[in-house]
Structure formats: C-alpha cells, structure tokens
Amino acid sequence: SQVRQNRVLDLVAPQPFAEDRDEQSRPYVLEQDTAPFLGGIWGEIYLVSSSVAGSDTPVNMASAVPVYPTIEITGPADSVLITADSGLRIDVPDGVPAGSTLRIVTDPRRKSIRLGGEPAAGMLALGSRLVPFGLGTTLVDVVAPGATSATLLKLTWRGLHRGLW
C-alpha cells in the first residue's frame, strides 16, 4: 500500500538581487522655519533647507527592481502619516516623542519597528502597509502635525540589480 502526503511550505526567499555596496540616504525636514530667505534689514539672514517633506515629495531611487526602504522618523510630532504612490502607508497616530527615533525596516526579510531600539510595532495603526518603492521616482506625502524644525524623516536603501553588469 502507498501513502501520499501533501505539504504546504511558506518560505521567504533570500535576497535574489545584487545589492549596491553602499546605502543611499535622503534626510528631510518635516517643518520649515518660517523666516524669509533673506530677513529684513534688522532681521536674521540664514539659508533654509531645500529638503522639506510634504505633499508630493519626489524620491528618486536608482535601482533595477523595487526597493524596500528603511524609514526613520525623529520627533517631535503629535502624529505622522506617510503615504506614497507605491501603496506605502505608515500611520503613527500617537506620534513620536521629541528626541526619539522611530525606525521602520519595511523589507519582509528583516522587518522591524523600533522606537529608540526597543520593539514598537504597536505604534503603527492597523491600516499601515509596508510595501516597496517602485522604479524611478516615488511621490511621498508626509503629514506631521506638531512637527518642529527638529522633526526629521530619513529614507535609507540599497539599490537592487538583476545582474552584476
């Protein structure tokens, strides 16, 4: 007599693509200082950041295949909502405390959500979706009530390639 058994395996493949040797990183300020570029005669004169994340912020990723970024949010912010045309949605309804950094690794092979190095998966709302950024330019929308000029968003990734040449 023969015995037949069916088994179902659920596996995550190792990284099938060649990675860039160096990480790429893009920091963004979430709240711009309101002083003008050149103050009045008696005003302060200083440069303001050109990398302010807001509505339809373009992020260019040099990669041959979609990339899962690591996202870091440094507080203060009363709440944070990050969406992208790739389908990414990160909703932090309770915000990030001043001086703390929420680090979200979106890659399913190394997925991690930590606040100051401690596990913090409960900080993300249930509707959050950690999906890769597509090829070329991804448009990112960031809403962070209560943000100050100290509030930062940092995107980090390694480009992925189908071959070594």
Protein backbone atom coordinates (compact mmCIF):
# COMPACT_ATOMS: atom_id res chain seq x y z
CA SER A 1 0.00 0.00 0.00
CA GLN A 2 1.15 3.55 -0.78
CA VAL A 3 0.85 6.57 1.48
CA ARG A 4 0.68 10.01 -0.03
CA GLN A 5 1.01 13.25 1.90
CA ASN A 6 0.76 16.82 0.70
CA ARG A 7 2.74 19.51 2.47
CA VAL A 8 2.48 23.27 2.08
CA LEU A 9 5.54 25.41 2.74
CA ASP A 10 5.53 29.15 3.29
CA LEU A 11 9.00 30.50 2.57
CA VAL A 12 10.65 33.88 2.16
CA ALA A 13 13.47 33.76 -0.38
CA PRO A 14 16.84 35.26 0.40
CA GLN A 15 17.66 38.47 -1.44
CA PRO A 16 17.66 37.29 -5.09
CA PHE A 17 19.20 40.51 -6.48
CA ALA A 18 22.66 42.04 -6.25
CA GLU A 19 22.70 44.94 -3.77
CA ASP A 20 24.59 48.21 -4.05
CA ARG A 21 27.69 48.17 -1.88
CA ASP A 22 26.77 51.43 -0.15
CA GLU A 23 23.48 52.54 1.33
CA GLN A 24 21.83 55.65 -0.04
CA SER A 25 20.15 58.01 2.39
CA ARG A 26 17.85 61.02 1.99
CA PRO A 27 17.07 63.19 5.05
CA TYR A 28 14.06 65.54 5.04
CA VAL A 29 12.92 68.22 7.47
CA LEU A 30 9.21 67.90 8.29
CA GLU A 31 8.61 71.52 9.33
CA GLN A 32 10.24 74.50 7.66
CA ASP A 33 11.27 77.58 9.64
CA THR A 34 9.00 80.48 8.68
CA ALA A 35 11.64 83.22 8.45
CA PRO A 36 12.28 84.51 4.93
CA PHE A 37 15.34 83.51 2.90
CA LEU A 38 16.82 86.98 3.45
CA GLY A 39 15.44 88.72 6.52
CA GLY A 40 14.63 92.41 6.61
CA ILE A 41 17.31 94.98 7.33
CA TRP A 42 17.16 94.15 11.04
CA GLY A 43 16.12 90.51 10.60
CA GLU A 44 18.27 87.41 10.71
CA ILE A 45 19.81 86.20 7.46
CA TYR A 46 20.11 82.45 7.01
CA LEU A 47 19.54 79.70 4.49
CA VAL A 48 16.59 77.36 4.83
CA SER A 49 16.57 73.68 3.96
CA SER A 50 15.51 72.73 0.44
CA SER A 51 14.70 69.16 1.53
CA VAL A 52 11.32 69.64 3.17
CA ALA A 53 8.96 66.66 3.03
CA GLY A 54 5.33 67.49 2.44
CA SER A 55 2.81 66.86 -0.31
CA ASP A 56 4.09 65.05 -3.44
CA THR A 57 7.75 64.98 -2.35
CA PRO A 58 9.69 63.15 -5.11
CA VAL A 59 12.10 60.41 -4.02
CA ASN A 60 14.38 59.10 -6.79
CA MET A 61 15.78 55.62 -6.29
CA ALA A 62 18.44 54.27 -8.64
CA SER A 63 17.50 50.61 -8.71
CA ALA A 64 16.63 47.99 -11.32
CA VAL A 65 13.91 46.43 -9.16
CA PRO A 66 11.57 47.81 -6.46
CA VAL A 67 13.26 48.64 -3.14
CA TYR A 68 12.09 48.29 0.48
CA PRO A 69 13.39 51.39 2.29
CA THR A 70 14.19 51.83 5.96
CA ILE A 71 12.25 54.82 7.30
CA GLU A 72 13.32 56.79 10.37
CA ILE A 73 11.15 59.47 11.97
CA THR A 74 12.75 61.65 14.65
CA GLY A 75 10.29 63.52 16.85
CA PRO A 76 8.64 65.61 17.97
CA ALA A 77 5.39 65.02 16.11
CA ASP A 78 1.87 64.65 17.51
CA SER A 79 1.08 62.12 14.77
CA VAL A 80 2.66 61.07 11.48
CA LEU A 81 1.08 59.85 8.25
CA ILE A 82 3.36 58.88 5.36
CA THR A 83 1.80 57.70 2.11
CA ALA A 84 3.33 57.05 -1.30
CA ASP A 85 2.01 56.39 -4.78
CA SER A 86 3.62 52.93 -4.48
CA GLY A 87 0.93 51.98 -1.92
CA LEU A 88 3.11 52.56 1.15
CA ARG A 89 1.14 53.78 4.17
CA ILE A 90 2.72 54.40 7.55
CA ASP A 91 0.30 55.75 10.14
CA VAL A 92 1.67 56.63 13.59
CA PRO A 93 -1.46 58.06 15.30
CA ASP A 94 0.21 58.73 18.67
CA GLY A 95 3.23 60.42 17.10
CA VAL A 96 6.90 60.30 18.05
CA PRO A 97 8.24 61.94 21.23
CA ALA A 98 10.82 64.74 20.99
CA GLY A 99 14.34 63.40 20.56
CA SER A 100 13.18 59.81 19.93
CA THR A 101 13.58 57.99 16.61
CA LEU A 102 11.05 55.51 15.24
CA ARG A 103 12.90 53.14 12.84
CA ILE A 104 10.80 51.09 10.42
CA VAL A 105 12.50 48.43 8.30
CA THR A 106 9.96 47.65 5.55
CA ASP A 107 11.83 44.68 3.99
CA PRO A 108 9.86 41.50 4.89
CA ARG A 109 13.14 39.57 5.27
CA ARG A 110 14.25 41.87 8.12
CA LYS A 111 11.02 43.64 9.09
CA SER A 112 11.41 45.63 12.30
CA ILE A 113 9.66 48.53 14.03
CA ARG A 114 11.61 50.06 16.91
CA LEU A 115 11.47 53.23 18.99
CA GLY A 116 14.86 54.04 20.49
CA GLY A 117 15.99 50.46 19.88
CA GLU A 118 13.01 48.88 21.68
CA PRO A 119 10.25 46.91 19.85
CA ALA A 120 7.36 49.25 18.94
CA ALA A 121 5.18 47.51 16.35
CA GLY A 122 2.08 48.69 18.26
CA MET A 123 2.84 52.30 17.33
CA LEU A 124 1.65 51.72 13.74
CA ALA A 125 -2.08 51.79 13.01
CA LEU A 126 -3.61 48.58 11.63
CA GLY A 127 -4.12 50.07 8.14
CA SER A 128 -0.37 50.60 7.65
CA ARG A 129 1.18 48.90 4.59
CA LEU A 130 4.94 48.37 4.27
CA VAL A 131 5.39 47.99 0.52
CA PRO A 132 8.43 48.67 -1.69
CA PHE A 133 9.12 51.87 -3.57
CA GLY A 134 8.76 51.39 -7.33
CA LEU A 135 11.33 52.05 -10.00
CA GLY A 136 12.29 55.65 -10.72
CA THR A 137 10.51 58.41 -8.84
CA THR A 138 8.09 57.72 -5.98
CA LEU A 139 5.88 60.57 -4.76
CA VAL A 140 5.67 60.65 -0.97
CA ASP A 141 3.15 62.64 1.09
CA VAL A 142 4.02 63.42 4.71
CA VAL A 143 1.65 64.92 7.28
CA ALA A 144 3.10 65.53 10.76
CA PRO A 145 1.07 67.86 13.00
CA GLY A 146 3.10 69.24 15.87
CA ALA A 147 6.38 68.90 13.95
CA THR A 148 9.16 71.41 14.57
CA SER A 149 12.34 72.22 12.69
CA ALA A 150 13.93 69.37 14.71
CA THR A 151 11.50 66.78 13.28
CA LEU A 152 13.20 64.67 10.62
CA LEU A 153 12.32 61.95 8.13
CA LYS A 154 15.16 59.81 6.80
CA LEU A 155 14.84 57.24 3.99
CA THR A 156 17.66 54.71 3.55
CA TRP A 157 18.01 51.92 0.98
CA ARG A 158 20.39 49.88 -1.15
CA GLY A 159 19.72 49.74 -4.88
CA LEU A 160 18.98 46.28 -6.26
CA HIS A 161 20.10 44.91 -9.64
CA ARG A 162 19.14 41.88 -11.74
CA GLY A 163 22.77 41.23 -12.67
CA LEU A 164 26.27 42.33 -11.71
CA TRP A 165 26.81 44.12 -15.06
